[in-house]
Amino acid sequence: SYDSPGSGVVKWTQPRRSPLAPPPSAPQPAASPARR
């Protein structure tokens, strides 16, 4: 096992959803960087 280069927290807050995914039961708030 090896450490992955470039690890960290991603920049986006709302990733694109698949059109095949069922709709969320409630609106999903954007996650803050501290919670991602």
PDB file of all heavy atoms in Angstrom:
ATOM      1  N   SER A   1       0.846  -1.188   0.000  1.00  0.00           N
ATOM      2  CA  SER A   1       0.000   0.000   0.000  1.00  0.00           C
ATOM      3  C   SER A   1       0.884   1.242   0.000  1.00  0.00           C
ATOM      4  O   SER A   1       1.984   1.239   0.568  1.00  0.00           O
ATOM      5  CB  SER A   1      -0.933   0.013   1.215  1.00  0.00           C
ATOM      6  OG  SER A   1      -0.207   0.066   2.421  1.00  0.00           O
ATOM      7  N   TYR A   2       0.391   2.305  -0.646  1.00  0.00           N
ATOM      8  CA  TYR A   2       1.146   3.546  -0.801  1.00  0.00           C
ATOM      9  C   TYR A   2       0.204   4.732  -0.618  1.00  0.00           C
ATOM     10  O   TYR A   2      -0.989   4.648  -0.936  1.00  0.00           O
ATOM     11  CB  TYR A   2       1.779   3.619  -2.194  1.00  0.00           C
ATOM     12  CG  TYR A   2       2.632   2.433  -2.549  1.00  0.00           C
ATOM     13  CD1 TYR A   2       2.073   1.311  -3.175  1.00  0.00           C
ATOM     14  CD2 TYR A   2       3.994   2.406  -2.259  1.00  0.00           C
ATOM     15  CE1 TYR A   2       2.852   0.210  -3.506  1.00  0.00           C
ATOM     16  CE2 TYR A   2       4.784   1.302  -2.591  1.00  0.00           C
ATOM     17  CZ  TYR A   2       4.204   0.209  -3.212  1.00  0.00           C
ATOM     18  OH  TYR A   2       4.967  -0.888  -3.544  1.00  0.00           O
ATOM     19  N   ASP A   3       0.745   5.840  -0.153  1.00  0.00           N
ATOM     20  CA  ASP A   3      -0.046   7.057  -0.025  1.00  0.00           C
ATOM     21  C   ASP A   3      -0.364   7.610  -1.413  1.00  0.00           C
ATOM     22  O   ASP A   3       0.496   7.652  -2.296  1.00  0.00           O
ATOM     23  CB  ASP A   3       0.710   8.121   0.769  1.00  0.00           C
ATOM     24  CG  ASP A   3       0.879   7.743   2.235  1.00  0.00           C
ATOM     25  OD1 ASP A   3       0.060   6.947   2.735  1.00  0.00           O
ATOM     26  OD2 ASP A   3       1.817   8.251   2.870  1.00  0.00           O
ATOM     27  N   SER A   4      -1.598   8.041  -1.591  1.00  0.00           N
ATOM     28  CA  SER A   4      -1.994   8.638  -2.871  1.00  0.00           C
ATOM     29  C   SER A   4      -1.430  10.048  -2.989  1.00  0.00           C
ATOM     30  O   SER A   4      -1.531  10.844  -2.048  1.00  0.00           O
ATOM     31  CB  SER A   4      -3.516   8.703  -2.965  1.00  0.00           C
ATOM     32  OG  SER A   4      -3.915   9.499  -4.058  1.00  0.00           O
ATOM     33  N   PRO A   5      -0.848  10.401  -4.138  1.00  0.00           N
ATOM     34  CA  PRO A   5      -0.446  11.795  -4.344  1.00  0.00           C
ATOM     35  C   PRO A   5      -1.678  12.676  -4.486  1.00  0.00           C
ATOM     36  O   PRO A   5      -2.744  12.216  -4.908  1.00  0.00           O
ATOM     37  CB  PRO A   5       0.351  11.743  -5.648  1.00  0.00           C
ATOM     38  CG  PRO A   5      -0.227  10.581  -6.384  1.00  0.00           C
ATOM     39  CD  PRO A   5      -0.594   9.570  -5.339  1.00  0.00           C
ATOM     40  N   GLY A   6      -1.545  13.943  -4.129  1.00  0.00           N
ATOM     41  CA  GLY A   6      -2.609  14.909  -4.372  1.00  0.00           C
ATOM     42  C   GLY A   6      -3.833  14.778  -3.504  1.00  0.00           C
ATOM     43  O   GLY A   6      -4.888  15.349  -3.826  1.00  0.00           O
ATOM     44  N   SER A   7      -3.739  14.057  -2.388  1.00  0.00           N
ATOM     45  CA  SER A   7      -4.906  13.871  -1.531  1.00  0.00           C
ATOM     46  C   SER A   7      -5.337  15.188  -0.895  1.00  0.00           C
ATOM     47  O   SER A   7      -4.535  16.102  -0.698  1.00  0.00           O
ATOM     48  CB  SER A   7      -4.592  12.860  -0.429  1.00  0.00           C
ATOM     49  OG  SER A   7      -4.337  11.593  -0.972  1.00  0.00           O
ATOM     50  N   GLY A   8      -6.609  15.264  -0.550  1.00  0.00           N
ATOM     51  CA  GLY A   8      -7.127  16.459   0.101  1.00  0.00           C
ATOM     52  C   GLY A   8      -8.629  16.525  -0.035  1.00  0.00           C
ATOM     53  O   GLY A   8      -9.289  15.523  -0.344  1.00  0.00           O
ATOM     54  N   VAL A   9      -9.181  17.693   0.178  1.00  0.00           N
ATOM     55  CA  VAL A   9     -10.621  17.913   0.086  1.00  0.00           C
ATOM     56  C   VAL A   9     -10.945  18.485  -1.285  1.00  0.00           C
ATOM     57  O   VAL A   9     -10.272  19.407  -1.758  1.00  0.00           O
ATOM     58  CB  VAL A   9     -11.095  18.876   1.192  1.00  0.00           C
ATOM     59  CG1 VAL A   9     -12.581  19.182   1.043  1.00  0.00           C
ATOM     60  CG2 VAL A   9     -10.819  18.272   2.562  1.00  0.00           C
ATOM     61  N   VAL A  10     -11.968  17.938  -1.939  1.00  0.00           N
ATOM     62  CA  VAL A  10     -12.329  18.395  -3.277  1.00  0.00           C
ATOM     63  C   VAL A  10     -12.877  19.820  -3.231  1.00  0.00           C
ATOM     64  O   VAL A  10     -13.354  20.281  -2.190  1.00  0.00           O
ATOM     65  CB  VAL A  10     -13.347  17.448  -3.931  1.00  0.00           C
ATOM     66  CG1 VAL A  10     -12.750  16.067  -4.119  1.00  0.00           C
ATOM     67  CG2 VAL A  10     -14.636  17.375  -3.112  1.00  0.00           C
ATOM     68  N   LYS A  11     -12.832  20.489  -4.378  1.00  0.00           N
ATOM     69  CA  LYS A  11     -13.212  21.899  -4.439  1.00  0.00           C
ATOM     70  C   LYS A  11     -14.713  22.118  -4.574  1.00  0.00           C
ATOM     71  O   LYS A  11     -15.242  23.141  -4.175  1.00  0.00           O
ATOM     72  CB  LYS A  11     -12.498  22.583  -5.628  1.00  0.00           C
ATOM     73  CG  LYS A  11     -10.976  22.402  -5.648  1.00  0.00           C
ATOM     74  CD  LYS A  11     -10.313  22.953  -4.410  1.00  0.00           C
ATOM     75  CE  LYS A  11      -8.790  22.938  -4.539  1.00  0.00           C
ATOM     76  NZ  LYS A  11      -8.228  21.571  -4.597  1.00  0.00           N
ATOM     77  N   TRP A  12     -15.421  21.175  -5.217  1.00  0.00           N
ATOM     78  CA  TRP A  12     -16.843  21.406  -5.454  1.00  0.00           C
ATOM     79  C   TRP A  12     -17.667  21.111  -4.203  1.00  0.00           C
ATOM     80  O   TRP A  12     -17.238  20.364  -3.309  1.00  0.00           O
ATOM     81  CB  TRP A  12     -17.340  20.558  -6.626  1.00  0.00           C
ATOM     82  CG  TRP A  12     -17.354  19.086  -6.335  1.00  0.00           C
ATOM     83  CD1 TRP A  12     -18.326  18.363  -5.710  1.00  0.00           C
ATOM     84  CD2 TRP A  12     -16.325  18.137  -6.658  1.00  0.00           C
ATOM     85  NE1 TRP A  12     -17.977  17.046  -5.628  1.00  0.00           N
ATOM     86  CE2 TRP A  12     -16.764  16.877  -6.197  1.00  0.00           C
ATOM     87  CE3 TRP A  12     -15.083  18.245  -7.299  1.00  0.00           C
ATOM     88  CZ2 TRP A  12     -15.992  15.729  -6.357  1.00  0.00           C
ATOM     89  CZ3 TRP A  12     -14.330  17.101  -7.450  1.00  0.00           C
ATOM     90  CH2 TRP A  12     -14.780  15.866  -6.985  1.00  0.00           C
ATOM     91  N   THR A  13     -18.870  21.689  -4.152  1.00  0.00           N
ATOM     92  CA  THR A  13     -19.770  21.446  -3.019  1.00  0.00           C
ATOM     93  C   THR A  13     -21.006  20.654  -3.427  1.00  0.00           C
ATOM     94  O   THR A  13     -21.620  20.003  -2.594  1.00  0.00           O
ATOM     95  CB  THR A  13     -20.222  22.779  -2.398  1.00  0.00           C
ATOM     96  OG1 THR A  13     -20.852  23.589  -3.394  1.00  0.00           O
ATOM     97  CG2 THR A  13     -19.026  23.524  -1.801  1.00  0.00           C
ATOM     98  N   GLN A  14     -21.389  20.721  -4.710  1.00  0.00           N
ATOM     99  CA  GLN A  14     -22.540  19.981  -5.200  1.00  0.00           C
ATOM    100  C   GLN A  14     -22.134  19.185  -6.431  1.00  0.00           C
ATOM    101  O   GLN A  14     -22.108  19.715  -7.542  1.00  0.00           O
ATOM    102  CB  GLN A  14     -23.692  20.936  -5.562  1.00  0.00           C
ATOM    103  CG  GLN A  14     -24.370  21.583  -4.367  1.00  0.00           C
ATOM    104  CD  GLN A  14     -25.334  20.629  -3.662  1.00  0.00           C
ATOM    105  OE1 GLN A  14     -25.244  19.408  -3.803  1.00  0.00           O
ATOM    106  NE2 GLN A  14     -26.249  21.178  -2.899  1.00  0.00           N
ATOM    107  N   PRO A  15     -21.776  17.895  -6.277  1.00  0.00           N
ATOM    108  CA  PRO A  15     -21.385  17.103  -7.449  1.00  0.00           C
ATOM    109  C   PRO A  15     -22.566  16.867  -8.375  1.00  0.00           C
ATOM    110  O   PRO A  15     -23.727  16.832  -7.948  1.00  0.00           O
ATOM    111  CB  PRO A  15     -20.891  15.797  -6.825  1.00  0.00           C
ATOM    112  CG  PRO A  15     -21.626  15.695  -5.528  1.00  0.00           C
ATOM    113  CD  PRO A  15     -21.770  17.107  -5.036  1.00  0.00           C
ATOM    114  N   ARG A  16     -22.273  16.719  -9.649  1.00  0.00           N
ATOM    115  CA  ARG A  16     -23.307  16.405 -10.632  1.00  0.00           C
ATOM    116  C   ARG A  16     -23.922  15.057 -10.300  1.00  0.00           C
ATOM    117  O   ARG A  16     -23.220  14.107  -9.955  1.00  0.00           O
ATOM    118  CB  ARG A  16     -22.697  16.382 -12.033  1.00  0.00           C
ATOM    119  CG  ARG A  16     -23.723  16.239 -13.163  1.00  0.00           C
ATOM    120  CD  ARG A  16     -23.023  16.132 -14.498  1.00  0.00           C
ATOM    121  NE  ARG A  16     -23.983  16.144 -15.582  1.00  0.00           N
ATOM    122  CZ  ARG A  16     -24.233  17.196 -16.356  1.00  0.00           C
ATOM    123  NH1 ARG A  16     -23.562  18.314 -16.162  1.00  0.00           N
ATOM    124  NH2 ARG A  16     -25.123  17.131 -17.327  1.00  0.00           N
ATOM    125  N   ARG A  17     -25.238  14.954 -10.411  1.00  0.00           N
ATOM    126  CA  ARG A  17     -25.962  13.717 -10.129  1.00  0.00           C
ATOM    127  C   ARG A  17     -26.269  12.961 -11.415  1.00  0.00           C
ATOM    128  O   ARG A  17     -26.480  13.566 -12.476  1.00  0.00           O
ATOM    129  CB  ARG A  17     -27.272  14.009  -9.398  1.00  0.00           C
ATOM    130  CG  ARG A  17     -27.103  14.378  -7.940  1.00  0.00           C
ATOM    131  CD  ARG A  17     -28.446  14.763  -7.317  1.00  0.00           C
ATOM    132  NE  ARG A  17     -29.482  13.775  -7.541  1.00  0.00           N
ATOM    133  CZ  ARG A  17     -29.647  12.654  -6.819  1.00  0.00           C
ATOM    134  NH1 ARG A  17     -28.820  12.401  -5.814  1.00  0.00           N
ATOM    135  NH2 ARG A  17     -30.628  11.799  -7.088  1.00  0.00           N
ATOM    136  N   SER A  18     -26.302  11.650 -11.296  1.00  0.00           N
ATOM    137  CA  SER A  18     -26.676  10.818 -12.430  1.00  0.00           C
ATOM    138  C   SER A  18     -28.149  11.000 -12.755  1.00  0.00           C
ATOM    139  O   SER A  18     -28.996  11.059 -11.855  1.00  0.00           O
ATOM    140  CB  SER A  18     -26.411   9.347 -12.115  1.00  0.00           C
ATOM    141  OG  SER A  18     -27.009   8.508 -13.087  1.00  0.00           O
ATOM    142  N   PRO A  19     -28.501  11.051 -14.047  1.00  0.00           N
ATOM    143  CA  PRO A  19     -29.925  11.104 -14.410  1.00  0.00           C
ATOM    144  C   PRO A  19     -30.653   9.800 -14.080  1.00  0.00           C
ATOM    145  O   PRO A  19     -31.885   9.768 -14.078  1.00  0.00           O
ATOM    146  CB  PRO A  19     -29.897  11.362 -15.915  1.00  0.00           C
ATOM    147  CG  PRO A  19     -28.584  10.810 -16.366  1.00  0.00           C
ATOM    148  CD  PRO A  19     -27.631  11.077 -15.237  1.00  0.00           C
ATOM    149  N   LEU A  20     -29.901   8.734 -13.808  1.00  0.00           N
ATOM    150  CA  LEU A  20     -30.504   7.449 -13.459  1.00  0.00           C
ATOM    151  C   LEU A  20     -30.737   7.308 -11.964  1.00  0.00           C
ATOM    152  O   LEU A  20     -31.395   6.362 -11.522  1.00  0.00           O
ATOM    153  CB  LEU A  20     -29.599   6.299 -13.928  1.00  0.00           C
ATOM    154  CG  LEU A  20     -29.220   6.284 -15.408  1.00  0.00           C
ATOM    155  CD1 LEU A  20     -28.387   5.047 -15.727  1.00  0.00           C
ATOM    156  CD2 LEU A  20     -30.441   6.357 -16.300  1.00  0.00           C
ATOM    157  N   ALA A  21     -30.194   8.222 -11.172  1.00  0.00           N
ATOM    158  CA  ALA A  21     -30.338   8.139  -9.721  1.00  0.00           C
ATOM    159  C   ALA A  21     -31.734   8.596  -9.303  1.00  0.00           C
ATOM    160  O   ALA A  21     -32.290   9.532  -9.891  1.00  0.00           O
ATOM    161  CB  ALA A  21     -29.285   9.003  -9.033  1.00  0.00           C
ATOM    162  N   PRO A  22     -32.332   7.954  -8.292  1.00  0.00           N
ATOM    163  CA  PRO A  22     -33.638   8.431  -7.816  1.00  0.00           C
ATOM    164  C   PRO A  22     -33.497   9.822  -7.215  1.00  0.00           C
ATOM    165  O   PRO A  22     -32.447  10.158  -6.655  1.00  0.00           O
ATOM    166  CB  PRO A  22     -34.021   7.391  -6.754  1.00  0.00           C
ATOM    167  CG  PRO A  22     -32.733   6.778  -6.331  1.00  0.00           C
ATOM    168  CD  PRO A  22     -31.854   6.798  -7.539  1.00  0.00           C
ATOM    169  N   PRO A  23     -34.503  10.652  -7.342  1.00  0.00           N
ATOM    170  CA  PRO A  23     -34.398  12.001  -6.781  1.00  0.00           C
ATOM    171  C   PRO A  23     -34.271  11.942  -5.261  1.00  0.00           C
ATOM    172  O   PRO A  23     -34.838  11.055  -4.614  1.00  0.00           O
ATOM    173  CB  PRO A  23     -35.715  12.665  -7.207  1.00  0.00           C
ATOM    174  CG  PRO A  23     -36.650  11.532  -7.478  1.00  0.00           C
ATOM    175  CD  PRO A  23     -35.805  10.400  -7.968  1.00  0.00           C
ATOM    176  N   PRO A  24     -33.514  12.861  -4.660  1.00  0.00           N
ATOM    177  CA  PRO A  24     -33.392  12.869  -3.205  1.00  0.00           C
ATOM    178  C   PRO A  24     -34.739  13.177  -2.564  1.00  0.00           C
ATOM    179  O   PRO A  24     -35.570  13.904  -3.125  1.00  0.00           O
ATOM    180  CB  PRO A  24     -32.375  13.979  -2.931  1.00  0.00           C
ATOM    181  CG  PRO A  24     -32.408  14.845  -4.147  1.00  0.00           C
ATOM    182  CD  PRO A  24     -32.744  13.944  -5.293  1.00  0.00           C
ATOM    183  N   SER A  25     -34.947  12.618  -1.395  1.00  0.00           N
ATOM    184  CA  SER A  25     -36.229  12.818  -0.716  1.00  0.00           C
ATOM    185  C   SER A  25     -36.409  14.247  -0.230  1.00  0.00           C
ATOM    186  O   SER A  25     -37.520  14.709  -0.013  1.00  0.00           O
ATOM    187  CB  SER A  25     -36.350  11.853   0.473  1.00  0.00           C
ATOM    188  OG  SER A  25     -35.244  12.010   1.347  1.00  0.00           O
ATOM    189  N   ALA A  26     -35.281  14.953  -0.056  1.00  0.00           N
ATOM    190  CA  ALA A  26     -35.326  16.346   0.377  1.00  0.00           C
ATOM    191  C   ALA A  26     -34.139  17.061  -0.256  1.00  0.00           C
ATOM    192  O   ALA A  26     -33.138  16.434  -0.594  1.00  0.00           O
ATOM    193  CB  ALA A  26     -35.279  16.448   1.898  1.00  0.00           C
ATOM    194  N   PRO A  27     -34.236  18.374  -0.445  1.00  0.00           N
ATOM    195  CA  PRO A  27     -33.089  19.111  -0.989  1.00  0.00           C
ATOM    196  C   PRO A  27     -31.836  18.884  -0.165  1.00  0.00           C
ATOM    197  O   PRO A  27     -31.882  18.877   1.067  1.00  0.00           O
ATOM    198  CB  PRO A  27     -33.543  20.573  -0.918  1.00  0.00           C
ATOM    199  CG  PRO A  27     -35.039  20.497  -0.905  1.00  0.00           C
ATOM    200  CD  PRO A  27     -35.379  19.232  -0.172  1.00  0.00           C
ATOM    201  N   GLN A  28     -30.711  18.652  -0.863  1.00  0.00           N
ATOM    202  CA  GLN A  28     -29.457  18.362  -0.185  1.00  0.00           C
ATOM    203  C   GLN A  28     -28.624  19.636  -0.054  1.00  0.00           C
ATOM    204  O   GLN A  28     -28.254  20.248  -1.068  1.00  0.00           O
ATOM    205  CB  GLN A  28     -28.659  17.310  -0.964  1.00  0.00           C
ATOM    206  CG  GLN A  28     -29.399  15.995  -1.144  1.00  0.00           C
ATOM    207  CD  GLN A  28     -29.706  15.328   0.173  1.00  0.00           C
ATOM    208  OE1 GLN A  28     -28.795  15.064   0.963  1.00  0.00           O
ATOM    209  NE2 GLN A  28     -30.976  15.061   0.424  1.00  0.00           N
ATOM    210  N   PRO A  29     -28.328  20.078   1.185  1.00  0.00           N
ATOM    211  CA  PRO A  29     -27.502  21.272   1.345  1.00  0.00           C
ATOM    212  C   PRO A  29     -26.071  21.010   0.921  1.00  0.00           C
ATOM    213  O   PRO A  29     -25.567  19.881   1.019  1.00  0.00           O
ATOM    214  CB  PRO A  29     -27.580  21.562   2.850  1.00  0.00           C
ATOM    215  CG  PRO A  29     -27.848  20.211   3.466  1.00  0.00           C
ATOM    216  CD  PRO A  29     -28.712  19.482   2.475  1.00  0.00           C
ATOM    217  N   ALA A  30     -25.418  22.032   0.410  1.00  0.00           N
ATOM    218  CA  ALA A  30     -24.015  21.907   0.043  1.00  0.00           C
ATOM    219  C   ALA A  30     -23.182  21.715   1.300  1.00  0.00           C
ATOM    220  O   ALA A  30     -23.382  22.394   2.311  1.00  0.00           O
ATOM    221  CB  ALA A  30     -23.553  23.147  -0.707  1.00  0.00           C
ATOM    222  N   ALA A  31     -22.235  20.754   1.246  1.00  0.00           N
ATOM    223  CA  ALA A  31     -21.380  20.490   2.402  1.00  0.00           C
ATOM    224  C   ALA A  31     -20.286  21.546   2.491  1.00  0.00           C
ATOM    225  O   ALA A  31     -19.700  21.934   1.486  1.00  0.00           O
ATOM    226  CB  ALA A  31     -20.767  19.097   2.287  1.00  0.00           C
ATOM    227  N   SER A  32     -20.022  22.009   3.697  1.00  0.00           N
ATOM    228  CA  SER A  32     -18.932  22.956   3.891  1.00  0.00           C
ATOM    229  C   SER A  32     -17.604  22.214   3.795  1.00  0.00           C
ATOM    230  O   SER A  32     -17.551  20.991   4.015  1.00  0.00           O
ATOM    231  CB  SER A  32     -19.043  23.613   5.267  1.00  0.00           C
ATOM    232  OG  SER A  32     -18.828  22.662   6.288  1.00  0.00           O
ATOM    233  N   PRO A  33     -16.504  22.918   3.451  1.00  0.00           N
ATOM    234  CA  PRO A  33     -15.204  22.247   3.360  1.00  0.00           C
ATOM    235  C   PRO A  33     -14.838  21.498   4.636  1.00  0.00           C
ATOM    236  O   PRO A  33     -14.230  20.426   4.575  1.00  0.00           O
ATOM    237  CB  PRO A  33     -14.235  23.401   3.090  1.00  0.00           C
ATOM    238  CG  PRO A  33     -15.072  24.425   2.408  1.00  0.00           C
ATOM    239  CD  PRO A  33     -16.427  24.330   3.048  1.00  0.00           C
ATOM    240  N   ALA A  34     -15.223  22.030   5.788  1.00  0.00           N
ATOM    241  CA  ALA A  34     -14.872  21.381   7.055  1.00  0.00           C
ATOM    242  C   ALA A  34     -15.578  20.045   7.233  1.00  0.00           C
ATOM    243  O   ALA A  34     -15.106  19.177   7.961  1.00  0.00           O
ATOM    244  CB  ALA A  34     -15.208  22.304   8.222  1.00  0.00           C
ATOM    245  N   ARG A  35     -16.725  19.867   6.539  1.00  0.00           N
ATOM    246  CA  ARG A  35     -17.504  18.641   6.713  1.00  0.00           C
ATOM    247  C   ARG A  35     -17.251  17.634   5.603  1.00  0.00           C
ATOM    248  O   ARG A  35     -17.771  16.522   5.664  1.00  0.00           O
ATOM    249  CB  ARG A  35     -18.992  18.986   6.768  1.00  0.00           C
ATOM    250  CG  ARG A  35     -19.389  19.817   7.988  1.00  0.00           C
ATOM    251  CD  ARG A  35     -20.881  20.064   8.001  1.00  0.00           C
ATOM    252  NE  ARG A  35     -21.619  18.802   8.055  1.00  0.00           N
ATOM    253  CZ  ARG A  35     -22.944  18.726   7.906  1.00  0.00           C
ATOM    254  NH1 ARG A  35     -23.648  19.803   7.667  1.00  0.00           N
ATOM    255  NH2 ARG A  35     -23.551  17.557   7.974  1.00  0.00           N
ATOM    256  N   ARG A  36     -16.496  18.013   4.585  1.00  0.00           N
ATOM    257  CA  ARG A  36     -16.229  17.081   3.497  1.00  0.00           C
ATOM    258  C   ARG A  36     -14.990  16.256   3.790  1.00  0.00           C
ATOM    259  O   ARG A  36     -13.989  16.761   4.283  1.00  0.00           O
ATOM    260  CB  ARG A  36     -16.047  17.854   2.192  1.00  0.00           C
ATOM    261  CG  ARG A  36     -17.363  18.325   1.587  1.00  0.00           C
ATOM    262  CD  ARG A  36     -17.150  19.081   0.301  1.00  0.00           C
ATOM    263  NE  ARG A  36     -16.937  20.500   0.558  1.00  0.00           N
ATOM    264  CZ  ARG A  36     -16.175  21.273  -0.184  1.00  0.00           C
ATOM    265  NH1 ARG A  36     -15.512  20.768  -1.210  1.00  0.00           N
ATOM    266  NH2 ARG A  36     -16.047  22.549   0.094  1.00  0.00           N
TER     267      ARG A  36
END
